[in-house]
Amino acid sequence: MGKRILIVRTSSLGDLVHMLPAMSDIARHVPDAQIDWIVEENFTDIPGWHAAVRDVIPVAHRRWRKNWWAAATRAERRELRRTLATRRYDMILDMQGLMKSVWLVRQAHGERHGLDRASVREPLASLFYDVKHTVKFWQPAVTRQRTLASLALGYTYEGPADYGLDHFTQDVDREPYAVIMPSASRPEKLWPESDWHLVFSDLAKRGLGLRLLAGNDAEAERAGALIQGLPDAQVLPRMTLTQVAQVLSSATLMVGLDSGLTHLSAGLGRPTIGIYIASTPVRTPLEGRAYTASLGERGNPPSARTVLAAIDQALSQPAATVLQNGQMAGPRE
C-alpha cells in the first residue's frame, strides 16, 4: 500500500490553484501515494481536478463560524470528526499554516508536518506539528508549496510547475474570445474604466470577443456597464469552478485583476495577463506554461500602455495567433 497522505489547505481559490503543482510532484516522486485533501466546501472542484487526489474531504468553516453553536453546525462538525477518526495517515501535511488549519490537523491521526515558526504565517501554529520545515517566506507561492511538500516527503523536485489540468485543454481548440476578470472585492482594487476601454478596443481590433466574469450581482452589474454598447461582449452567468475552467480552456487570452481565476487561467496554460493593484506579484506571480505577465504592484497599478504591450507580446506567440477574420491559427492543443 502506498503512503497515505492528508493535505490540509482549505482556501482560498488562488492558493488552492497554487497547490496543484505540489500534488503533481508528490505523484511523480512518491510511488502509489494515496492523497486525501481537506478543503472548503465551495472549492471542492479544485482538488477533485487532480488525478493524484484520492478523496476530497469538505469542510464549511466559513459557513460554520457564522453560527458556530447552532445544532446543524455542531452536527456537521461531529460528522467531520467521525470521518477523520476512521482514517490513519502516514503523514498529515498542513500547507496553510493557520490556527484554523491546525484545528483540522489536530483532529486527524498521523505524523503532523508543517512550517516552522520562522516560515509560517501564524507562528503559533508551528507549536502543533511533530515535524517542522523551513521554507523561505518571500518566494512565489507555487515554489513555497512545492518546496514544503518535497521537504516533508524527502524528494527533490525539478522542472516547471505541472498543475495536472491537461484534461481540460487536451484536444480543445482555442476560440476567438478573451476572458476578462475586472471585478474586485473593494473599489480601491479596481482598474480605471478608461484603461479597460482601451484594452477592449485593442482586443476588438484583433478579432476577439469579450467574456467577462463576475462573482455576484453587484460585480455583474458593474461588468455590464463596462461593456455597454460593445459588440460581441457579454457578462457570463454564474458558473461552477469546473465550468469556468472549461471557458478558460477555450479562450485565446485572459486579462484580469489579481484573482484566483486569473491564476487558474495561467495554470491551464493559457496566455494570461494579471493586473496587480492592491497586492504584490512577488509572492503570487502568475505561473504557467504559456505566456504570463504579472503587471503592477501594491499601490502602483500598471498603465493601459503596459497592459497593451503585454497583450501584443502574448498574442505574438504561435499558439495564440488570431487571424483578421477571427479564426484561430497555430497548433491545436
C-alpha atoms as a PDB file:
ATOM      1  CA  MET A   1       0.000   0.000   0.000  1.00  0.00           C
ATOM      2  CA  GLY A   2       1.262   3.478  -0.893  1.00  0.00           C
ATOM      3  CA  LYS A   3       1.993   6.256   1.557  1.00  0.00           C
ATOM      4  CA  ARG A   4      -1.242   7.707   2.954  1.00  0.00           C
ATOM      5  CA  ILE A   5      -1.097  11.499   2.990  1.00  0.00           C
ATOM      6  CA  LEU A   6      -3.626  14.032   4.222  1.00  0.00           C
ATOM      7  CA  ILE A   7      -3.266  17.523   2.766  1.00  0.00           C
ATOM      8  CA  VAL A   8      -4.769  20.375   4.777  1.00  0.00           C
ATOM      9  CA  ARG A   9      -5.354  23.513   2.733  1.00  0.00           C
ATOM     10  CA  THR A  10      -8.893  24.814   2.825  1.00  0.00           C
ATOM     11  CA  SER A  11      -8.841  28.098   0.886  1.00  0.00           C
ATOM     12  CA  SER A  12      -8.700  30.413  -0.975  1.00  0.00           C
ATOM     13  CA  LEU A  13      -9.216  29.853  -4.691  1.00  0.00           C
ATOM     14  CA  GLY A  14      -5.851  31.159  -5.879  1.00  0.00           C
ATOM     15  CA  ASP A  15      -3.978  29.463  -3.034  1.00  0.00           C
ATOM     16  CA  LEU A  16      -5.580  26.141  -3.933  1.00  0.00           C
ATOM     17  CA  VAL A  17      -4.565  26.522  -7.572  1.00  0.00           C
ATOM     18  CA  HIS A  18      -1.001  27.170  -6.371  1.00  0.00           C
ATOM     19  CA  MET A  19      -1.135  23.826  -4.554  1.00  0.00           C
ATOM     20  CA  LEU A  20      -1.730  21.708  -7.647  1.00  0.00           C
ATOM     21  CA  PRO A  21       1.909  21.519  -8.855  1.00  0.00           C
ATOM     22  CA  ALA A  22       2.907  20.102  -5.459  1.00  0.00           C
ATOM     23  CA  MET A  23       0.339  17.322  -5.961  1.00  0.00           C
ATOM     24  CA  SER A  24       1.921  16.530  -9.331  1.00  0.00           C
ATOM     25  CA  ASP A  25       5.355  16.406  -7.688  1.00  0.00           C
ATOM     26  CA  ILE A  26       4.127  14.020  -4.986  1.00  0.00           C
ATOM     27  CA  ALA A  27       2.558  11.729  -7.582  1.00  0.00           C
ATOM     28  CA  ARG A  28       5.816  11.719  -9.542  1.00  0.00           C
ATOM     29  CA  HIS A  29       8.179  11.086  -6.616  1.00  0.00           C
ATOM     30  CA  VAL A  30       6.143   9.032  -4.126  1.00  0.00           C
ATOM     31  CA  PRO A  31       5.057   5.745  -5.701  1.00  0.00           C
ATOM     32  CA  ASP A  32       1.385   4.852  -5.134  1.00  0.00           C
ATOM     33  CA  ALA A  33       0.800   7.850  -2.847  1.00  0.00           C
ATOM     34  CA  GLN A  34      -2.773   7.993  -1.569  1.00  0.00           C
ATOM     35  CA  ILE A  35      -3.637  11.661  -1.166  1.00  0.00           C
ATOM     36  CA  ASP A  36      -6.702  12.985   0.637  1.00  0.00           C
ATOM     37  CA  TRP A  37      -7.305  16.736   0.777  1.00  0.00           C
ATOM     38  CA  ILE A  38      -9.382  18.789   3.239  1.00  0.00           C
ATOM     39  CA  VAL A  39     -10.868  21.859   1.549  1.00  0.00           C
ATOM     40  CA  GLU A  40     -13.663  24.394   1.967  1.00  0.00           C
ATOM     41  CA  GLU A  41     -16.968  23.166   0.530  1.00  0.00           C
ATOM     42  CA  ASN A  42     -17.102  25.908  -2.127  1.00  0.00           C
ATOM     43  CA  PHE A  43     -13.742  24.847  -3.553  1.00  0.00           C
ATOM     44  CA  THR A  44     -14.057  21.052  -3.708  1.00  0.00           C
ATOM     45  CA  ASP A  45     -13.842  21.142  -7.514  1.00  0.00           C
ATOM     46  CA  ILE A  46     -10.179  22.165  -7.404  1.00  0.00           C
ATOM     47  CA  PRO A  47      -8.542  19.177  -5.640  1.00  0.00           C
ATOM     48  CA  GLY A  48     -11.015  16.950  -7.468  1.00  0.00           C
ATOM     49  CA  TRP A  49      -9.492  18.043 -10.777  1.00  0.00           C
ATOM     50  CA  HIS A  50      -6.138  16.451  -9.948  1.00  0.00           C
ATOM     51  CA  ALA A  51      -5.799  12.756 -10.742  1.00  0.00           C
ATOM     52  CA  ALA A  52      -3.409  12.188  -7.809  1.00  0.00           C
ATOM     53  CA  VAL A  53      -6.042  13.154  -5.210  1.00  0.00           C
ATOM     54  CA  ARG A  54      -7.965  10.106  -3.982  1.00  0.00           C
ATOM     55  CA  ASP A  55     -10.575  11.724  -1.773  1.00  0.00           C
ATOM     56  CA  VAL A  56     -11.736  15.292  -1.148  1.00  0.00           C
ATOM     57  CA  ILE A  57     -12.965  15.983   2.395  1.00  0.00           C
ATOM     58  CA  PRO A  58     -15.132  19.115   2.524  1.00  0.00           C
ATOM     59  CA  VAL A  59     -15.331  21.460   5.493  1.00  0.00           C
ATOM     60  CA  ALA A  60     -17.504  24.538   5.903  1.00  0.00           C
ATOM     61  CA  HIS A  61     -15.515  26.700   8.297  1.00  0.00           C
ATOM     62  CA  ARG A  62     -16.573  29.901   6.547  1.00  0.00           C
ATOM     63  CA  ARG A  63     -20.232  28.977   6.970  1.00  0.00           C
ATOM     64  CA  TRP A  64     -19.862  27.370  10.412  1.00  0.00           C
ATOM     65  CA  ARG A  65     -18.265  30.396  12.056  1.00  0.00           C
ATOM     66  CA  LYS A  66     -21.420  32.435  11.400  1.00  0.00           C
ATOM     67  CA  ASN A  67     -23.459  30.012  13.535  1.00  0.00           C
ATOM     68  CA  TRP A  68     -20.798  28.027  15.394  1.00  0.00           C
ATOM     69  CA  TRP A  69     -23.076  26.707  18.149  1.00  0.00           C
ATOM     70  CA  ALA A  70     -26.166  26.034  16.038  1.00  0.00           C
ATOM     71  CA  ALA A  71     -27.396  22.433  16.155  1.00  0.00           C
ATOM     72  CA  ALA A  72     -26.858  21.879  12.430  1.00  0.00           C
ATOM     73  CA  THR A  73     -23.318  23.247  12.626  1.00  0.00           C
ATOM     74  CA  ARG A  74     -22.427  21.057  15.597  1.00  0.00           C
ATOM     75  CA  ALA A  75     -23.802  18.009  13.761  1.00  0.00           C
ATOM     76  CA  GLU A  76     -21.648  18.737  10.701  1.00  0.00           C
ATOM     77  CA  ARG A  77     -18.555  19.166  12.874  1.00  0.00           C
ATOM     78  CA  ARG A  78     -19.266  15.837  14.604  1.00  0.00           C
ATOM     79  CA  GLU A  79     -19.563  14.141  11.226  1.00  0.00           C
ATOM     80  CA  LEU A  80     -16.198  15.575  10.185  1.00  0.00           C
ATOM     81  CA  ARG A  81     -14.600  14.251  13.399  1.00  0.00           C
ATOM     82  CA  ARG A  82     -16.083  10.814  12.732  1.00  0.00           C
ATOM     83  CA  THR A  83     -14.740  10.828   9.183  1.00  0.00           C
ATOM     84  CA  LEU A  84     -11.225  11.719  10.320  1.00  0.00           C
ATOM     85  CA  ALA A  85     -11.351   9.270  13.246  1.00  0.00           C
ATOM     86  CA  THR A  86     -11.818   6.333  10.865  1.00  0.00           C
ATOM     87  CA  ARG A  87      -8.659   7.103   8.875  1.00  0.00           C
ATOM     88  CA  ARG A  88      -4.993   6.668   9.708  1.00  0.00           C
ATOM     89  CA  TYR A  89      -2.403   8.589   7.720  1.00  0.00           C
ATOM     90  CA  ASP A  90       1.331   8.162   7.401  1.00  0.00           C
ATOM     91  CA  MET A  91       1.585  11.942   7.129  1.00  0.00           C
ATOM     92  CA  ILE A  92      -0.657  14.925   7.738  1.00  0.00           C
ATOM     93  CA  LEU A  93       0.734  17.921   5.870  1.00  0.00           C
ATOM     94  CA  ASP A  94      -0.590  21.359   6.820  1.00  0.00           C
ATOM     95  CA  MET A  95       0.097  23.552   3.793  1.00  0.00           C
ATOM     96  CA  GLN A  96      -1.847  26.523   5.139  1.00  0.00           C
ATOM     97  CA  GLY A  97      -0.125  27.278   8.442  1.00  0.00           C
ATOM     98  CA  LEU A  98      -3.010  28.937  10.245  1.00  0.00           C
ATOM     99  CA  MET A  99      -4.690  28.140  13.523  1.00  0.00           C
ATOM    100  CA  LYS A 100      -7.860  27.246  11.622  1.00  0.00           C
ATOM    101  CA  SER A 101      -5.915  24.621   9.662  1.00  0.00           C
ATOM    102  CA  VAL A 102      -4.260  23.379  12.874  1.00  0.00           C
ATOM    103  CA  TRP A 103      -7.777  22.791  14.235  1.00  0.00           C
ATOM    104  CA  LEU A 104      -8.229  20.269  11.424  1.00  0.00           C
ATOM    105  CA  VAL A 105      -4.725  18.809  11.722  1.00  0.00           C
ATOM    106  CA  ARG A 106      -5.324  18.050  15.400  1.00  0.00           C
ATOM    107  CA  GLN A 107      -8.424  16.007  14.579  1.00  0.00           C
ATOM    108  CA  ALA A 108      -6.593  13.746  12.134  1.00  0.00           C
ATOM    109  CA  HIS A 109      -4.408  10.769  13.053  1.00  0.00           C
ATOM    110  CA  GLY A 110      -0.841  10.576  11.799  1.00  0.00           C
ATOM    111  CA  GLU A 111       2.517  12.324  11.919  1.00  0.00           C
ATOM    112  CA  ARG A 112       1.884  16.064  11.599  1.00  0.00           C
ATOM    113  CA  HIS A 113       4.092  18.154   9.347  1.00  0.00           C
ATOM    114  CA  GLY A 114       4.095  21.917   8.794  1.00  0.00           C
ATOM    115  CA  LEU A 115       6.205  25.042   8.585  1.00  0.00           C
ATOM    116  CA  ASP A 116       8.472  26.135  11.404  1.00  0.00           C
ATOM    117  CA  ARG A 117       7.955  29.331  13.389  1.00  0.00           C
ATOM    118  CA  ALA A 118      10.110  31.428  11.073  1.00  0.00           C
ATOM    119  CA  SER A 119       8.338  30.228   7.939  1.00  0.00           C
ATOM    120  CA  VAL A 120       4.677  30.008   8.890  1.00  0.00           C
ATOM    121  CA  ARG A 121       2.118  32.789   8.546  1.00  0.00           C
ATOM    122  CA  GLU A 122       0.794  32.379  12.113  1.00  0.00           C
ATOM    123  CA  PRO A 123       3.792  31.398  14.302  1.00  0.00           C
ATOM    124  CA  LEU A 124       1.595  29.815  16.998  1.00  0.00           C
ATOM    125  CA  ALA A 125       0.534  27.150  14.503  1.00  0.00           C
ATOM    126  CA  SER A 126       4.063  25.703  14.408  1.00  0.00           C
ATOM    127  CA  LEU A 127       3.724  24.508  18.009  1.00  0.00           C
ATOM    128  CA  PHE A 128       1.282  21.810  16.920  1.00  0.00           C
ATOM    129  CA  TYR A 129       3.429  19.977  14.344  1.00  0.00           C
ATOM    130  CA  ASP A 130       5.521  16.886  15.033  1.00  0.00           C
ATOM    131  CA  VAL A 131       7.927  17.744  12.214  1.00  0.00           C
ATOM    132  CA  LYS A 132       8.680  21.336  11.190  1.00  0.00           C
ATOM    133  CA  HIS A 133      10.193  22.539   7.940  1.00  0.00           C
ATOM    134  CA  THR A 134      11.926  25.756   6.922  1.00  0.00           C
ATOM    135  CA  VAL A 135      10.760  27.384   3.689  1.00  0.00           C
ATOM    136  CA  LYS A 136      11.811  30.937   2.830  1.00  0.00           C
ATOM    137  CA  PHE A 137       8.801  33.233   3.026  1.00  0.00           C
ATOM    138  CA  TRP A 138       9.439  35.698   0.196  1.00  0.00           C
ATOM    139  CA  GLN A 139       9.207  33.208  -2.633  1.00  0.00           C
ATOM    140  CA  PRO A 140       6.442  32.618  -5.168  1.00  0.00           C
ATOM    141  CA  ALA A 141       3.561  30.687  -3.638  1.00  0.00           C
ATOM    142  CA  VAL A 142       3.933  27.778  -6.067  1.00  0.00           C
ATOM    143  CA  THR A 143       7.598  27.443  -5.123  1.00  0.00           C
ATOM    144  CA  ARG A 144       6.815  27.506  -1.397  1.00  0.00           C
ATOM    145  CA  GLN A 145       4.230  24.754  -1.698  1.00  0.00           C
ATOM    146  CA  ARG A 146       6.399  22.570  -3.910  1.00  0.00           C
ATOM    147  CA  THR A 147       9.310  23.054  -1.507  1.00  0.00           C
ATOM    148  CA  LEU A 148       7.282  22.210   1.599  1.00  0.00           C
ATOM    149  CA  ALA A 149       5.923  19.019   0.050  1.00  0.00           C
ATOM    150  CA  SER A 150       9.386  17.957  -1.107  1.00  0.00           C
ATOM    151  CA  LEU A 151      10.937  18.517   2.343  1.00  0.00           C
ATOM    152  CA  ALA A 152       8.160  16.625   4.094  1.00  0.00           C
ATOM    153  CA  LEU A 153       8.305  13.672   1.728  1.00  0.00           C
ATOM    154  CA  GLY A 154      12.058  13.577   1.097  1.00  0.00           C
ATOM    155  CA  TYR A 155      12.493  14.213  -2.610  1.00  0.00           C
ATOM    156  CA  THR A 156      13.959  16.937  -4.810  1.00  0.00           C
ATOM    157  CA  TYR A 157      11.603  18.398  -7.382  1.00  0.00           C
ATOM    158  CA  GLU A 158      12.670  19.936 -10.650  1.00  0.00           C
ATOM    159  CA  GLY A 159      11.206  21.349 -13.810  1.00  0.00           C
ATOM    160  CA  PRO A 160       8.343  23.761 -14.439  1.00  0.00           C
ATOM    161  CA  ALA A 161       5.124  23.624 -12.457  1.00  0.00           C
ATOM    162  CA  ASP A 162       2.671  20.955 -13.651  1.00  0.00           C
ATOM    163  CA  TYR A 163      -0.855  21.775 -12.486  1.00  0.00           C
ATOM    164  CA  GLY A 164      -2.312  18.440 -13.585  1.00  0.00           C
ATOM    165  CA  LEU A 165      -5.021  20.179 -15.607  1.00  0.00           C
ATOM    166  CA  ASP A 166      -4.282  18.854 -19.098  1.00  0.00           C
ATOM    167  CA  HIS A 167      -7.611  17.020 -19.152  1.00  0.00           C
ATOM    168  CA  PHE A 168      -9.267  20.436 -19.550  1.00  0.00           C
ATOM    169  CA  THR A 169      -7.164  21.536 -22.511  1.00  0.00           C
ATOM    170  CA  GLN A 170      -6.349  18.308 -24.360  1.00  0.00           C
ATOM    171  CA  ASP A 171      -7.871  18.380 -27.862  1.00  0.00           C
ATOM    172  CA  VAL A 172      -9.558  21.730 -27.140  1.00  0.00           C
ATOM    173  CA  ASP A 173      -9.487  24.337 -29.909  1.00  0.00           C
ATOM    174  CA  ARG A 174      -8.861  27.944 -28.981  1.00  0.00           C
ATOM    175  CA  GLU A 175     -11.816  30.174 -29.743  1.00  0.00           C
ATOM    176  CA  PRO A 176     -11.620  33.872 -30.688  1.00  0.00           C
ATOM    177  CA  TYR A 177     -12.506  35.420 -27.352  1.00  0.00           C
ATOM    178  CA  ALA A 178     -10.683  36.894 -24.378  1.00  0.00           C
ATOM    179  CA  VAL A 179     -11.813  36.243 -20.823  1.00  0.00           C
ATOM    180  CA  ILE A 180     -11.806  39.373 -18.674  1.00  0.00           C
ATOM    181  CA  MET A 181     -11.817  39.482 -14.861  1.00  0.00           C
ATOM    182  CA  PRO A 182     -12.484  43.148 -13.969  1.00  0.00           C
ATOM    183  CA  SER A 183     -14.028  42.584 -10.524  1.00  0.00           C
ATOM    184  CA  ALA A 184     -12.594  43.011  -7.061  1.00  0.00           C
ATOM    185  CA  SER A 185     -13.925  42.933  -3.515  1.00  0.00           C
ATOM    186  CA  ARG A 186     -13.235  46.635  -2.845  1.00  0.00           C
ATOM    187  CA  PRO A 187     -13.352  49.747  -5.069  1.00  0.00           C
ATOM    188  CA  GLU A 188      -9.695  50.580  -4.436  1.00  0.00           C
ATOM    189  CA  LYS A 189      -8.743  47.288  -6.085  1.00  0.00           C
ATOM    190  CA  LEU A 190     -10.428  48.190  -9.379  1.00  0.00           C
ATOM    191  CA  TRP A 191      -8.605  49.262 -12.538  1.00  0.00           C
ATOM    192  CA  PRO A 192      -9.875  52.513 -14.170  1.00  0.00           C
ATOM    193  CA  GLU A 193     -12.729  52.090 -16.643  1.00  0.00           C
ATOM    194  CA  SER A 194     -10.893  54.221 -19.205  1.00  0.00           C
ATOM    195  CA  ASP A 195      -7.984  51.765 -19.165  1.00  0.00           C
ATOM    196  CA  TRP A 196     -10.318  48.783 -19.587  1.00  0.00           C
ATOM    197  CA  HIS A 197     -11.930  50.516 -22.586  1.00  0.00           C
ATOM    198  CA  LEU A 198      -8.528  50.907 -24.254  1.00  0.00           C
ATOM    199  CA  VAL A 199      -7.899  47.189 -23.727  1.00  0.00           C
ATOM    200  CA  PHE A 200     -11.334  46.256 -25.049  1.00  0.00           C
ATOM    201  CA  SER A 201     -10.804  48.372 -28.172  1.00  0.00           C
ATOM    202  CA  ASP A 202      -7.455  46.702 -28.825  1.00  0.00           C
ATOM    203  CA  LEU A 203      -8.899  43.212 -28.404  1.00  0.00           C
ATOM    204  CA  ALA A 204     -11.815  44.010 -30.725  1.00  0.00           C
ATOM    205  CA  LYS A 205      -9.384  45.143 -33.442  1.00  0.00           C
ATOM    206  CA  ARG A 206      -7.708  41.749 -33.109  1.00  0.00           C
ATOM    207  CA  GLY A 207     -10.979  39.948 -33.740  1.00  0.00           C
ATOM    208  CA  LEU A 208     -11.516  38.839 -30.164  1.00  0.00           C
ATOM    209  CA  GLY A 209     -14.845  38.887 -28.366  1.00  0.00           C
ATOM    210  CA  LEU A 210     -15.091  39.644 -24.652  1.00  0.00           C
ATOM    211  CA  ARG A 211     -16.328  37.248 -21.978  1.00  0.00           C
ATOM    212  CA  LEU A 212     -16.446  38.925 -18.565  1.00  0.00           C
ATOM    213  CA  LEU A 213     -16.514  37.041 -15.269  1.00  0.00           C
ATOM    214  CA  ALA A 214     -18.444  38.261 -12.239  1.00  0.00           C
ATOM    215  CA  GLY A 215     -18.843  36.673  -8.825  1.00  0.00           C
ATOM    216  CA  ASN A 216     -22.057  38.307  -7.633  1.00  0.00           C
ATOM    217  CA  ASP A 217     -24.885  40.566  -8.767  1.00  0.00           C
ATOM    218  CA  ALA A 218     -23.038  43.787  -7.990  1.00  0.00           C
ATOM    219  CA  GLU A 219     -19.999  42.655  -9.966  1.00  0.00           C
ATOM    220  CA  ALA A 220     -22.211  41.555 -12.844  1.00  0.00           C
ATOM    221  CA  GLU A 221     -23.905  44.964 -12.916  1.00  0.00           C
ATOM    222  CA  ARG A 222     -20.553  46.768 -12.908  1.00  0.00           C
ATOM    223  CA  ALA A 223     -19.184  44.488 -15.645  1.00  0.00           C
ATOM    224  CA  GLY A 224     -22.306  45.027 -17.752  1.00  0.00           C
ATOM    225  CA  ALA A 225     -21.870  48.789 -17.540  1.00  0.00           C
ATOM    226  CA  LEU A 226     -18.225  48.405 -18.526  1.00  0.00           C
ATOM    227  CA  ILE A 227     -19.082  46.748 -21.860  1.00  0.00           C
ATOM    228  CA  GLN A 228     -22.289  48.625 -22.628  1.00  0.00           C
ATOM    229  CA  GLY A 229     -22.643  49.115 -26.368  1.00  0.00           C
ATOM    230  CA  LEU A 230     -19.704  46.885 -27.290  1.00  0.00           C
ATOM    231  CA  PRO A 231     -20.319  44.185 -29.911  1.00  0.00           C
ATOM    232  CA  ASP A 232     -19.518  40.547 -29.126  1.00  0.00           C
ATOM    233  CA  ALA A 233     -19.150  41.275 -25.423  1.00  0.00           C
ATOM    234  CA  GLN A 234     -21.069  39.607 -22.635  1.00  0.00           C
ATOM    235  CA  VAL A 235     -21.047  39.067 -18.908  1.00  0.00           C
ATOM    236  CA  LEU A 236     -21.050  35.323 -18.282  1.00  0.00           C
ATOM    237  CA  PRO A 237     -23.634  33.902 -15.871  1.00  0.00           C
ATOM    238  CA  ARG A 238     -22.616  32.451 -12.516  1.00  0.00           C
ATOM    239  CA  MET A 239     -20.934  29.111 -13.102  1.00  0.00           C
ATOM    240  CA  THR A 240     -19.278  26.327 -11.169  1.00  0.00           C
ATOM    241  CA  LEU A 241     -15.496  26.403 -10.983  1.00  0.00           C
ATOM    242  CA  THR A 242     -15.348  23.491 -13.405  1.00  0.00           C
ATOM    243  CA  GLN A 243     -17.474  25.399 -15.910  1.00  0.00           C
ATOM    244  CA  VAL A 244     -15.233  28.454 -15.549  1.00  0.00           C
ATOM    245  CA  ALA A 245     -12.186  26.246 -16.172  1.00  0.00           C
ATOM    246  CA  GLN A 246     -13.808  24.992 -19.370  1.00  0.00           C
ATOM    247  CA  VAL A 247     -14.455  28.547 -20.573  1.00  0.00           C
ATOM    248  CA  LEU A 248     -10.850  29.492 -19.825  1.00  0.00           C
ATOM    249  CA  SER A 249      -9.559  26.396 -21.614  1.00  0.00           C
ATOM    250  CA  SER A 250     -11.093  27.544 -24.898  1.00  0.00           C
ATOM    251  CA  ALA A 251     -10.004  31.178 -24.577  1.00  0.00           C
ATOM    252  CA  THR A 252      -7.334  32.831 -26.690  1.00  0.00           C
ATOM    253  CA  LEU A 253      -6.267  35.087 -23.829  1.00  0.00           C
ATOM    254  CA  MET A 254      -7.190  36.194 -20.328  1.00  0.00           C
ATOM    255  CA  VAL A 255      -6.714  39.647 -18.856  1.00  0.00           C
ATOM    256  CA  GLY A 256      -7.725  40.005 -15.223  1.00  0.00           C
ATOM    257  CA  LEU A 257      -7.136  41.623 -11.896  1.00  0.00           C
ATOM    258  CA  ASP A 258      -5.089  39.554  -9.467  1.00  0.00           C
ATOM    259  CA  SER A 259      -7.636  36.874  -8.570  1.00  0.00           C
ATOM    260  CA  GLY A 260      -7.896  33.139  -8.179  1.00  0.00           C
ATOM    261  CA  LEU A 261      -9.490  32.804 -11.610  1.00  0.00           C
ATOM    262  CA  THR A 262      -6.632  34.701 -13.244  1.00  0.00           C
ATOM    263  CA  HIS A 263      -4.181  32.264 -11.633  1.00  0.00           C
ATOM    264  CA  LEU A 264      -6.348  29.371 -12.805  1.00  0.00           C
ATOM    265  CA  SER A 265      -6.051  30.611 -16.379  1.00  0.00           C
ATOM    266  CA  ALA A 266      -2.261  30.585 -16.092  1.00  0.00           C
ATOM    267  CA  GLY A 267      -2.368  27.105 -14.563  1.00  0.00           C
ATOM    268  CA  LEU A 268      -4.428  25.902 -17.517  1.00  0.00           C
ATOM    269  CA  GLY A 269      -1.638  27.019 -19.820  1.00  0.00           C
ATOM    270  CA  ARG A 270      -3.482  29.917 -21.401  1.00  0.00           C
ATOM    271  CA  PRO A 271      -1.799  33.266 -22.161  1.00  0.00           C
ATOM    272  CA  THR A 272      -2.662  35.343 -19.112  1.00  0.00           C
ATOM    273  CA  ILE A 273      -2.060  38.933 -18.075  1.00  0.00           C
ATOM    274  CA  GLY A 274      -2.538  39.838 -14.418  1.00  0.00           C
ATOM    275  CA  ILE A 275      -3.118  43.382 -13.194  1.00  0.00           C
ATOM    276  CA  TYR A 276      -1.865  43.937  -9.635  1.00  0.00           C
ATOM    277  CA  ILE A 277      -3.235  46.974  -7.799  1.00  0.00           C
ATOM    278  CA  ALA A 278      -3.640  46.089  -4.109  1.00  0.00           C
ATOM    279  CA  SER A 279      -1.314  43.073  -3.983  1.00  0.00           C
ATOM    280  CA  THR A 280       2.240  42.206  -4.908  1.00  0.00           C
ATOM    281  CA  PRO A 281       3.350  39.768  -7.606  1.00  0.00           C
ATOM    282  CA  VAL A 282       6.496  38.952  -5.625  1.00  0.00           C
ATOM    283  CA  ARG A 283       4.714  36.189  -3.710  1.00  0.00           C
ATOM    284  CA  THR A 284       1.899  35.402  -6.120  1.00  0.00           C
ATOM    285  CA  PRO A 285       3.116  35.842  -9.689  1.00  0.00           C
ATOM    286  CA  LEU A 286       1.264  34.137 -12.496  1.00  0.00           C
ATOM    287  CA  GLU A 287       2.954  30.871 -13.440  1.00  0.00           C
ATOM    288  CA  GLY A 288       2.106  28.616 -16.348  1.00  0.00           C
ATOM    289  CA  ARG A 289       3.471  27.031 -19.472  1.00  0.00           C
ATOM    290  CA  ALA A 290       2.089  29.764 -21.765  1.00  0.00           C
ATOM    291  CA  TYR A 291       2.936  33.456 -21.756  1.00  0.00           C
ATOM    292  CA  THR A 292       2.139  35.227 -18.475  1.00  0.00           C
ATOM    293  CA  ALA A 293       2.673  38.801 -17.319  1.00  0.00           C
ATOM    294  CA  SER A 294       2.267  39.936 -13.707  1.00  0.00           C
ATOM    295  CA  LEU A 295       1.976  43.706 -14.031  1.00  0.00           C
ATOM    296  CA  GLY A 296       1.884  46.378 -11.365  1.00  0.00           C
ATOM    297  CA  GLU A 297       2.435  46.406  -7.635  1.00  0.00           C
ATOM    298  CA  ARG A 298       0.558  47.303  -4.479  1.00  0.00           C
ATOM    299  CA  GLY A 299      -0.295  50.986  -4.810  1.00  0.00           C
ATOM    300  CA  ASN A 300       1.249  51.212  -8.288  1.00  0.00           C
ATOM    301  CA  PRO A 301      -1.083  49.747 -10.928  1.00  0.00           C
ATOM    302  CA  PRO A 302       0.156  49.240 -14.481  1.00  0.00           C
ATOM    303  CA  SER A 303      -0.765  51.722 -17.188  1.00  0.00           C
ATOM    304  CA  ALA A 304      -3.001  50.759 -20.077  1.00  0.00           C
ATOM    305  CA  ARG A 305       0.030  51.083 -22.355  1.00  0.00           C
ATOM    306  CA  THR A 306       1.898  48.465 -20.300  1.00  0.00           C
ATOM    307  CA  VAL A 307      -1.038  46.047 -20.457  1.00  0.00           C
ATOM    308  CA  LEU A 308      -1.471  46.604 -24.220  1.00  0.00           C
ATOM    309  CA  ALA A 309       2.215  45.832 -24.768  1.00  0.00           C
ATOM    310  CA  ALA A 310       1.797  42.579 -22.826  1.00  0.00           C
ATOM    311  CA  ILE A 311      -1.269  41.674 -24.909  1.00  0.00           C
ATOM    312  CA  ASP A 312       0.735  42.238 -28.068  1.00  0.00           C
ATOM    313  CA  GLN A 313       3.510  40.005 -26.793  1.00  0.00           C
ATOM    314  CA  ALA A 314       1.093  37.298 -25.648  1.00  0.00           C
ATOM    315  CA  LEU A 315      -0.698  37.174 -28.976  1.00  0.00           C
ATOM    316  CA  SER A 316       2.552  37.080 -30.922  1.00  0.00           C
ATOM    317  CA  GLN A 317       3.138  33.547 -29.635  1.00  0.00           C
ATOM    318  CA  PRO A 318       2.396  30.926 -32.339  1.00  0.00           C
ATOM    319  CA  ALA A 319      -0.298  29.102 -30.326  1.00  0.00           C
ATOM    320  CA  ALA A 320      -2.249  32.299 -29.786  1.00  0.00           C
ATOM    321  CA  THR A 321      -2.221  33.848 -33.263  1.00  0.00           C
ATOM    322  CA  VAL A 322      -5.608  35.199 -34.347  1.00  0.00           C
ATOM    323  CA  LEU A 323      -6.313  35.975 -37.990  1.00  0.00           C
ATOM    324  CA  GLN A 324      -8.203  39.100 -39.010  1.00  0.00           C
ATOM    325  CA  ASN A 325     -11.380  37.136 -39.670  1.00  0.00           C
ATOM    326  CA  GLY A 326     -11.382  35.871 -36.073  1.00  0.00           C
ATOM    327  CA  GLN A 327     -10.352  32.312 -36.908  1.00  0.00           C
ATOM    328  CA  MET A 328      -7.558  30.640 -34.999  1.00  0.00           C
ATOM    329  CA  ALA A 329      -4.187  29.755 -36.445  1.00  0.00           C
ATOM    330  CA  GLY A 330      -1.348  27.845 -34.824  1.00  0.00           C
ATOM    331  CA  PRO A 331      -1.109  24.386 -33.287  1.00  0.00           C
ATOM    332  CA  ARG A 332      -4.181  22.612 -31.992  1.00  0.00           C
ATOM    333  CA  GLU A 333      -3.900  21.679 -28.332  1.00  0.00           C
END
